Amino acid sequence: MSARSPRSGFARRPADPETWVRAAKELPAGRADGAANTARLTIDVTPAQRGRIKIAAFERGMTVADMLRALLEREFPPAGDAGQ
């Protein structure tokens, strides 16, 4: 049986959080610009909260994903837009 080769860099973050966050924005070679928006965020909500979120999105004519994306963009604007 052969020994496993070590995975360098696997699940390791840079010491500087800003570098870590900025590194995620870089596109791998050969990917389209739209592929950069593929991060997934998972949150735990109660069934009642989920229902209220879905109803609010429906009443606004939006999908839940679009409504939550707009909420996050409003609450956490890109660094260049802060304070505007």
PDB file of N, CA and C in Angstrom:
ATOM      1  N   MET A   1       0.840  -1.173   0.000  1.00  0.00           N
ATOM      2  CA  MET A   1       0.000   0.000   0.000  1.00  0.00           C
ATOM      3  C   MET A   1       0.889   1.242   0.000  1.00  0.00           C
ATOM      4  N   SER A   2       0.571   2.205  -0.796  1.00  0.00           N
ATOM      5  CA  SER A   2       1.390   3.417  -0.854  1.00  0.00           C
ATOM      6  C   SER A   2       0.839   4.481   0.090  1.00  0.00           C
ATOM      7  N   ALA A   3       1.690   5.337   0.554  1.00  0.00           N
ATOM      8  CA  ALA A   3       1.291   6.421   1.465  1.00  0.00           C
ATOM      9  C   ALA A   3       0.580   7.510   0.667  1.00  0.00           C
ATOM     10  N   ARG A   4      -0.355   8.177   1.326  1.00  0.00           N
ATOM     11  CA  ARG A   4      -1.066   9.288   0.681  1.00  0.00           C
ATOM     12  C   ARG A   4      -0.155  10.500   0.566  1.00  0.00           C
ATOM     13  N   SER A   5      -0.304  11.197  -0.527  1.00  0.00           N
ATOM     14  CA  SER A   5       0.459  12.441  -0.665  1.00  0.00           C
ATOM     15  C   SER A   5      -0.277  13.542   0.099  1.00  0.00           C
ATOM     16  N   PRO A   6       0.445  14.403   0.808  1.00  0.00           N
ATOM     17  CA  PRO A   6      -0.224  15.464   1.581  1.00  0.00           C
ATOM     18  C   PRO A   6      -0.863  16.482   0.639  1.00  0.00           C
ATOM     19  N   ARG A   7      -2.017  16.983   1.044  1.00  0.00           N
ATOM     20  CA  ARG A   7      -2.715  18.017   0.275  1.00  0.00           C
ATOM     21  C   ARG A   7      -2.299  19.370   0.830  1.00  0.00           C
ATOM     22  N   SER A   8      -1.407  20.012   0.169  1.00  0.00           N
ATOM     23  CA  SER A   8      -0.970  21.320   0.657  1.00  0.00           C
ATOM     24  C   SER A   8      -2.057  22.354   0.352  1.00  0.00           C
ATOM     25  N   GLY A   9      -2.381  23.162   1.359  1.00  0.00           N
ATOM     26  CA  GLY A   9      -3.349  24.224   1.171  1.00  0.00           C
ATOM     27  C   GLY A   9      -4.793  23.810   1.314  1.00  0.00           C
ATOM     28  N   PHE A  10      -5.065  22.531   1.517  1.00  0.00           N
ATOM     29  CA  PHE A  10      -6.447  22.087   1.628  1.00  0.00           C
ATOM     30  C   PHE A  10      -7.044  22.574   2.944  1.00  0.00           C
ATOM     31  N   ALA A  11      -8.162  23.295   2.866  1.00  0.00           N
ATOM     32  CA  ALA A  11      -8.874  23.822   4.033  1.00  0.00           C
ATOM     33  C   ALA A  11      -7.991  24.699   4.909  1.00  0.00           C
ATOM     34  N   ARG A  12      -7.052  25.363   4.304  1.00  0.00           N
ATOM     35  CA  ARG A  12      -6.196  26.276   5.052  1.00  0.00           C
ATOM     36  C   ARG A  12      -6.471  27.692   4.574  1.00  0.00           C
ATOM     37  N   ARG A  13      -6.621  28.618   5.495  1.00  0.00           N
ATOM     38  CA  ARG A  13      -6.891  30.008   5.159  1.00  0.00           C
ATOM     39  C   ARG A  13      -5.635  30.844   5.342  1.00  0.00           C
ATOM     40  N   PRO A  14      -5.516  31.898   4.556  1.00  0.00           N
ATOM     41  CA  PRO A  14      -4.395  32.814   4.786  1.00  0.00           C
ATOM     42  C   PRO A  14      -4.526  33.473   6.155  1.00  0.00           C
ATOM     43  N   ALA A  15      -3.424  33.916   6.700  1.00  0.00           N
ATOM     44  CA  ALA A  15      -3.444  34.584   8.004  1.00  0.00           C
ATOM     45  C   ALA A  15      -4.221  35.895   7.937  1.00  0.00           C
ATOM     46  N   ASP A  16      -4.226  36.548   6.793  1.00  0.00           N
ATOM     47  CA  ASP A  16      -4.906  37.829   6.620  1.00  0.00           C
ATOM     48  C   ASP A  16      -6.301  37.596   6.031  1.00  0.00           C
ATOM     49  N   PRO A  17      -7.371  37.891   6.779  1.00  0.00           N
ATOM     50  CA  PRO A  17      -8.731  37.654   6.260  1.00  0.00           C
ATOM     51  C   PRO A  17      -9.033  38.414   4.975  1.00  0.00           C
ATOM     52  N   GLU A  18      -8.516  39.634   4.831  1.00  0.00           N
ATOM     53  CA  GLU A  18      -8.768  40.407   3.610  1.00  0.00           C
ATOM     54  C   GLU A  18      -8.218  39.675   2.383  1.00  0.00           C
ATOM     55  N   THR A  19      -7.055  39.084   2.508  1.00  0.00           N
ATOM     56  CA  THR A  19      -6.469  38.320   1.404  1.00  0.00           C
ATOM     57  C   THR A  19      -7.332  37.115   1.088  1.00  0.00           C
ATOM     58  N   TRP A  20      -7.825  36.473   2.108  1.00  0.00           N
ATOM     59  CA  TRP A  20      -8.674  35.298   1.940  1.00  0.00           C
ATOM     60  C   TRP A  20      -9.954  35.655   1.200  1.00  0.00           C
ATOM     61  N   VAL A  21     -10.589  36.770   1.577  1.00  0.00           N
ATOM     62  CA  VAL A  21     -11.841  37.184   0.936  1.00  0.00           C
ATOM     63  C   VAL A  21     -11.582  37.603  -0.505  1.00  0.00           C
ATOM     64  N   ARG A  22     -10.538  38.393  -0.738  1.00  0.00           N
ATOM     65  CA  ARG A  22     -10.230  38.841  -2.096  1.00  0.00           C
ATOM     66  C   ARG A  22      -9.866  37.683  -3.011  1.00  0.00           C
ATOM     67  N   ALA A  23      -9.227  36.655  -2.492  1.00  0.00           N
ATOM     68  CA  ALA A  23      -8.830  35.511  -3.306  1.00  0.00           C
ATOM     69  C   ALA A  23     -10.044  34.809  -3.897  1.00  0.00           C
ATOM     70  N   ALA A  24     -11.173  34.839  -3.210  1.00  0.00           N
ATOM     71  CA  ALA A  24     -12.382  34.199  -3.705  1.00  0.00           C
ATOM     72  C   ALA A  24     -12.959  34.929  -4.914  1.00  0.00           C
ATOM     73  N   LYS A  25     -12.611  36.193  -5.105  1.00  0.00           N
ATOM     74  CA  LYS A  25     -13.139  36.975  -6.224  1.00  0.00           C
ATOM     75  C   LYS A  25     -12.421  36.677  -7.533  1.00  0.00           C
ATOM     76  N   GLU A  26     -11.248  36.083  -7.460  1.00  0.00           N
ATOM     77  CA  GLU A  26     -10.482  35.798  -8.668  1.00  0.00           C
ATOM     78  C   GLU A  26     -11.116  34.631  -9.415  1.00  0.00           C
ATOM     79  N   LEU A  27     -11.283  34.798 -10.721  1.00  0.00           N
ATOM     80  CA  LEU A  27     -11.877  33.761 -11.550  1.00  0.00           C
ATOM     81  C   LEU A  27     -10.831  32.764 -12.011  1.00  0.00           C
ATOM     82  N   PRO A  28     -11.130  31.483 -11.945  1.00  0.00           N
ATOM     83  CA  PRO A  28     -10.216  30.506 -12.526  1.00  0.00           C
ATOM     84  C   PRO A  28     -10.157  30.698 -14.042  1.00  0.00           C
ATOM     85  N   ALA A  29      -9.056  30.338 -14.641  1.00  0.00           N
ATOM     86  CA  ALA A  29      -8.889  30.494 -16.083  1.00  0.00           C
ATOM     87  C   ALA A  29      -9.969  29.715 -16.830  1.00  0.00           C
ATOM     88  N   GLY A  30     -10.551  30.337 -17.847  1.00  0.00           N
ATOM     89  CA  GLY A  30     -11.522  29.664 -18.685  1.00  0.00           C
ATOM     90  C   GLY A  30     -12.962  29.727 -18.200  1.00  0.00           C
ATOM     91  N   ARG A  31     -13.227  30.405 -17.094  1.00  0.00           N
ATOM     92  CA  ARG A  31     -14.608  30.501 -16.612  1.00  0.00           C
ATOM     93  C   ARG A  31     -15.221  31.818 -17.055  1.00  0.00           C
ATOM     94  N   ALA A  32     -16.506  31.782 -17.327  1.00  0.00           N
ATOM     95  CA  ALA A  32     -17.221  32.983 -17.750  1.00  0.00           C
ATOM     96  C   ALA A  32     -17.414  33.922 -16.560  1.00  0.00           C
ATOM     97  N   ASP A  33     -17.639  35.199 -16.829  1.00  0.00           N
ATOM     98  CA  ASP A  33     -17.831  36.178 -15.760  1.00  0.00           C
ATOM     99  C   ASP A  33     -18.988  35.808 -14.841  1.00  0.00           C
ATOM    100  N   GLY A  34     -20.052  35.246 -15.363  1.00  0.00           N
ATOM    101  CA  GLY A  34     -21.198  34.869 -14.551  1.00  0.00           C
ATOM    102  C   GLY A  34     -20.896  33.753 -13.571  1.00  0.00           C
ATOM    103  N   ALA A  35     -19.838  33.007 -13.813  1.00  0.00           N
ATOM    104  CA  ALA A  35     -19.483  31.906 -12.923  1.00  0.00           C
ATOM    105  C   ALA A  35     -18.920  32.397 -11.600  1.00  0.00           C
ATOM    106  N   ALA A  36     -18.570  33.672 -11.497  1.00  0.00           N
ATOM    107  CA  ALA A  36     -18.013  34.207 -10.253  1.00  0.00           C
ATOM    108  C   ALA A  36     -19.075  34.268  -9.170  1.00  0.00           C
ATOM    109  N   ASN A  37     -20.340  34.329  -9.552  1.00  0.00           N
ATOM    110  CA  ASN A  37     -21.422  34.464  -8.581  1.00  0.00           C
ATOM    111  C   ASN A  37     -21.977  33.077  -8.234  1.00  0.00           C
ATOM    112  N   THR A  38     -21.123  32.207  -7.694  1.00  0.00           N
ATOM    113  CA  THR A  38     -21.560  30.846  -7.425  1.00  0.00           C
ATOM    114  C   THR A  38     -21.419  30.453  -5.964  1.00  0.00           C
ATOM    115  N   ALA A  39     -21.072  31.391  -5.089  1.00  0.00           N
ATOM    116  CA  ALA A  39     -20.943  31.060  -3.672  1.00  0.00           C
ATOM    117  C   ALA A  39     -22.322  30.766  -3.104  1.00  0.00           C
ATOM    118  N   ARG A  40     -22.377  29.825  -2.187  1.00  0.00           N
ATOM    119  CA  ARG A  40     -23.647  29.444  -1.587  1.00  0.00           C
ATOM    120  C   ARG A  40     -23.576  29.742  -0.105  1.00  0.00           C
ATOM    121  N   LEU A  41     -24.654  30.331   0.424  1.00  0.00           N
ATOM    122  CA  LEU A  41     -24.766  30.645   1.838  1.00  0.00           C
ATOM    123  C   LEU A  41     -25.949  29.882   2.388  1.00  0.00           C
ATOM    124  N   THR A  42     -25.725  29.144   3.447  1.00  0.00           N
ATOM    125  CA  THR A  42     -26.789  28.361   4.055  1.00  0.00           C
ATOM    126  C   THR A  42     -27.109  28.927   5.426  1.00  0.00           C
ATOM    127  N   ILE A  43     -28.386  29.148   5.696  1.00  0.00           N
ATOM    128  CA  ILE A  43     -28.806  29.612   7.014  1.00  0.00           C
ATOM    129  C   ILE A  43     -29.900  28.686   7.521  1.00  0.00           C
ATOM    130  N   ASP A  44     -29.994  28.569   8.823  1.00  0.00           N
ATOM    131  CA  ASP A  44     -31.041  27.756   9.431  1.00  0.00           C
ATOM    132  C   ASP A  44     -32.185  28.671   9.852  1.00  0.00           C
ATOM    133  N   VAL A  45     -33.382  28.363   9.391  1.00  0.00           N
ATOM    134  CA  VAL A  45     -34.578  29.111   9.779  1.00  0.00           C
ATOM    135  C   VAL A  45     -35.648  28.113  10.185  1.00  0.00           C
ATOM    136  N   THR A  46     -36.583  28.592  10.980  1.00  0.00           N
ATOM    137  CA  THR A  46     -37.689  27.728  11.367  1.00  0.00           C
ATOM    138  C   THR A  46     -38.645  27.595  10.184  1.00  0.00           C
ATOM    139  N   PRO A  47     -39.491  26.591  10.190  1.00  0.00           N
ATOM    140  CA  PRO A  47     -40.485  26.482   9.115  1.00  0.00           C
ATOM    141  C   PRO A  47     -41.372  27.727   9.015  1.00  0.00           C
ATOM    142  N   ALA A  48     -41.696  28.330  10.149  1.00  0.00           N
ATOM    143  CA  ALA A  48     -42.527  29.546  10.123  1.00  0.00           C
ATOM    144  C   ALA A  48     -41.777  30.699   9.460  1.00  0.00           C
ATOM    145  N   GLN A  49     -40.499  30.857   9.782  1.00  0.00           N
ATOM    146  CA  GLN A  49     -39.702  31.913   9.146  1.00  0.00           C
ATOM    147  C   GLN A  49     -39.596  31.673   7.646  1.00  0.00           C
ATOM    148  N   ARG A  50     -39.380  30.441   7.267  1.00  0.00           N
ATOM    149  CA  ARG A  50     -39.276  30.106   5.843  1.00  0.00           C
ATOM    150  C   ARG A  50     -40.559  30.489   5.120  1.00  0.00           C
ATOM    151  N   GLY A  51     -41.686  30.188   5.737  1.00  0.00           N
ATOM    152  CA  GLY A  51     -42.971  30.547   5.137  1.00  0.00           C
ATOM    153  C   GLY A  51     -43.127  32.048   4.989  1.00  0.00           C
ATOM    154  N   ARG A  52     -42.741  32.815   6.015  1.00  0.00           N
ATOM    155  CA  ARG A  52     -42.857  34.278   5.947  1.00  0.00           C
ATOM    156  C   ARG A  52     -41.937  34.853   4.874  1.00  0.00           C
ATOM    157  N   ILE A  53     -40.748  34.283   4.762  1.00  0.00           N
ATOM    158  CA  ILE A  53     -39.805  34.751   3.732  1.00  0.00           C
ATOM    159  C   ILE A  53     -40.371  34.490   2.341  1.00  0.00           C
ATOM    160  N   LYS A  54     -40.922  33.289   2.127  1.00  0.00           N
ATOM    161  CA  LYS A  54     -41.480  32.947   0.817  1.00  0.00           C
ATOM    162  C   LYS A  54     -42.670  33.835   0.472  1.00  0.00           C
ATOM    163  N   ILE A  55     -43.535  34.111   1.444  1.00  0.00           N
ATOM    164  CA  ILE A  55     -44.696  34.978   1.206  1.00  0.00           C
ATOM    165  C   ILE A  55     -44.248  36.392   0.872  1.00  0.00           C
ATOM    166  N   ALA A  56     -43.280  36.917   1.645  1.00  0.00           N
ATOM    167  CA  ALA A  56     -42.781  38.273   1.378  1.00  0.00           C
ATOM    168  C   ALA A  56     -42.182  38.369  -0.023  1.00  0.00           C
ATOM    169  N   ALA A  57     -41.425  37.366  -0.430  1.00  0.00           N
ATOM    170  CA  ALA A  57     -40.840  37.375  -1.778  1.00  0.00           C
ATOM    171  C   ALA A  57     -41.939  37.331  -2.839  1.00  0.00           C
ATOM    172  N   PHE A  58     -42.930  36.478  -2.631  1.00  0.00           N
ATOM    173  CA  PHE A  58     -44.032  36.370  -3.593  1.00  0.00           C
ATOM    174  C   PHE A  58     -44.772  37.693  -3.717  1.00  0.00           C
ATOM    175  N   GLU A  59     -45.058  38.338  -2.583  1.00  0.00           N
ATOM    176  CA  GLU A  59     -45.782  39.621  -2.604  1.00  0.00           C
ATOM    177  C   GLU A  59     -45.002  40.708  -3.331  1.00  0.00           C
ATOM    178  N   ARG A  60     -43.685  40.597  -3.341  1.00  0.00           N
ATOM    179  CA  ARG A  60     -42.843  41.579  -4.026  1.00  0.00           C
ATOM    180  C   ARG A  60     -42.537  41.182  -5.458  1.00  0.00           C
ATOM    181  N   GLY A  61     -43.069  40.037  -5.889  1.00  0.00           N
ATOM    182  CA  GLY A  61     -42.838  39.581  -7.255  1.00  0.00           C
ATOM    183  C   GLY A  61     -41.404  39.138  -7.486  1.00  0.00           C
ATOM    184  N   MET A  62     -40.778  38.610  -6.455  1.00  0.00           N
ATOM    185  CA  MET A  62     -39.379  38.196  -6.537  1.00  0.00           C
ATOM    186  C   MET A  62     -39.248  36.746  -6.118  1.00  0.00           C
ATOM    187  N   THR A  63     -38.121  36.172  -6.460  1.00  0.00           N
ATOM    188  CA  THR A  63     -37.806  34.861  -5.912  1.00  0.00           C
ATOM    189  C   THR A  63     -37.181  35.086  -4.537  1.00  0.00           C
ATOM    190  N   VAL A  64     -37.157  34.053  -3.715  1.00  0.00           N
ATOM    191  CA  VAL A  64     -36.527  34.161  -2.400  1.00  0.00           C
ATOM    192  C   VAL A  64     -35.054  34.511  -2.562  1.00  0.00           C
ATOM    193  N   ALA A  65     -34.387  33.870  -3.502  1.00  0.00           N
ATOM    194  CA  ALA A  65     -32.960  34.142  -3.718  1.00  0.00           C
ATOM    195  C   ALA A  65     -32.726  35.597  -4.093  1.00  0.00           C
ATOM    196  N   ASP A  66     -33.551  36.145  -5.007  1.00  0.00           N
ATOM    197  CA  ASP A  66     -33.386  37.538  -5.417  1.00  0.00           C
ATOM    198  C   ASP A  66     -33.659  38.495  -4.263  1.00  0.00           C
ATOM    199  N   MET A  67     -34.687  38.193  -3.465  1.00  0.00           N
ATOM    200  CA  MET A  67     -35.015  39.057  -2.335  1.00  0.00           C
ATOM    201  C   MET A  67     -33.892  39.052  -1.301  1.00  0.00           C
ATOM    202  N   LEU A  68     -33.363  37.884  -0.993  1.00  0.00           N
ATOM    203  CA  LEU A  68     -32.286  37.802  -0.016  1.00  0.00           C
ATOM    204  C   LEU A  68     -31.004  38.430  -0.549  1.00  0.00           C
ATOM    205  N   ARG A  69     -30.755  38.284  -1.845  1.00  0.00           N
ATOM    206  CA  ARG A  69     -29.584  38.918  -2.448  1.00  0.00           C
ATOM    207  C   ARG A  69     -29.690  40.440  -2.328  1.00  0.00           C
ATOM    208  N   ALA A  70     -30.881  40.990  -2.605  1.00  0.00           N
ATOM    209  CA  ALA A  70     -31.089  42.439  -2.485  1.00  0.00           C
ATOM    210  C   ALA A  70     -30.915  42.896  -1.034  1.00  0.00           C
ATOM    211  N   LEU A  71     -31.414  42.109  -0.096  1.00  0.00           N
ATOM    212  CA  LEU A  71     -31.265  42.431   1.319  1.00  0.00           C
ATOM    213  C   LEU A  71     -29.788  42.462   1.714  1.00  0.00           C
ATOM    214  N   LEU A  72     -29.044  41.459   1.299  1.00  0.00           N
ATOM    215  CA  LEU A  72     -27.623  41.403   1.636  1.00  0.00           C
ATOM    216  C   LEU A  72     -26.849  42.538   0.975  1.00  0.00           C
ATOM    217  N   GLU A  73     -27.194  42.871  -0.259  1.00  0.00           N
ATOM    218  CA  GLU A  73     -26.518  43.976  -0.938  1.00  0.00           C
ATOM    219  C   GLU A  73     -26.815  45.300  -0.247  1.00  0.00           C
ATOM    220  N   ARG A  74     -28.033  45.462   0.261  1.00  0.00           N
ATOM    221  CA  ARG A  74     -28.401  46.683   0.968  1.00  0.00           C
ATOM    222  C   ARG A  74     -27.675  46.777   2.311  1.00  0.00           C
ATOM    223  N   GLU A  75     -27.632  45.681   3.037  1.00  0.00           N
ATOM    224  CA  GLU A  75     -27.030  45.678   4.370  1.00  0.00           C
ATOM    225  C   GLU A  75     -25.505  45.622   4.339  1.00  0.00           C
ATOM    226  N   PHE A  76     -24.953  45.006   3.314  1.00  0.00           N
ATOM    227  CA  PHE A  76     -23.504  44.847   3.201  1.00  0.00           C
ATOM    228  C   PHE A  76     -23.049  45.287   1.819  1.00  0.00           C
ATOM    229  N   PRO A  77     -23.057  46.611   1.560  1.00  0.00           N
ATOM    230  CA  PRO A  77     -22.671  47.090   0.232  1.00  0.00           C
ATOM    231  C   PRO A  77     -21.192  46.828  -0.031  1.00  0.00           C
ATOM    232  N   PRO A  78     -20.830  46.735  -1.315  1.00  0.00           N
ATOM    233  CA  PRO A  78     -19.408  46.596  -1.640  1.00  0.00           C
ATOM    234  C   PRO A  78     -18.615  47.752  -1.030  1.00  0.00           C
ATOM    235  N   ALA A  79     -17.363  47.527  -0.729  1.00  0.00           N
ATOM    236  CA  ALA A  79     -16.536  48.515  -0.047  1.00  0.00           C
ATOM    237  C   ALA A  79     -16.544  49.871  -0.745  1.00  0.00           C
ATOM    238  N   GLY A  80     -16.567  49.902  -2.056  1.00  0.00           N
ATOM    239  CA  GLY A  80     -16.558  51.147  -2.802  1.00  0.00           C
ATOM    240  C   GLY A  80     -17.845  51.939  -2.684  1.00  0.00           C
ATOM    241  N   ASP A  81     -18.971  51.274  -2.318  1.00  0.00           N
ATOM    242  CA  ASP A  81     -20.265  51.924  -2.234  1.00  0.00           C
ATOM    243  C   ASP A  81     -20.630  52.327  -0.816  1.00  0.00           C
ATOM    244  N   ALA A  82     -19.825  52.007   0.174  1.00  0.00           N
ATOM    245  CA  ALA A  82     -20.161  52.267   1.566  1.00  0.00           C
ATOM    246  C   ALA A  82     -20.321  53.767   1.793  1.00  0.00           C
ATOM    247  N   GLY A  83     -21.388  54.107   2.498  1.00  0.00           N
ATOM    248  CA  GLY A  83     -21.630  55.500   2.847  1.00  0.00           C
ATOM    249  C   GLY A  83     -22.296  56.312   1.762  1.00  0.00           C
ATOM    250  N   GLN A  84     -22.662  55.712   0.662  1.00  0.00           N
ATOM    251  CA  GLN A  84     -23.311  56.467  -0.420  1.00  0.00           C
ATOM    252  C   GLN A  84     -24.793  56.302  -0.364  1.00  0.00           C
TER     253      GLN A  84
END
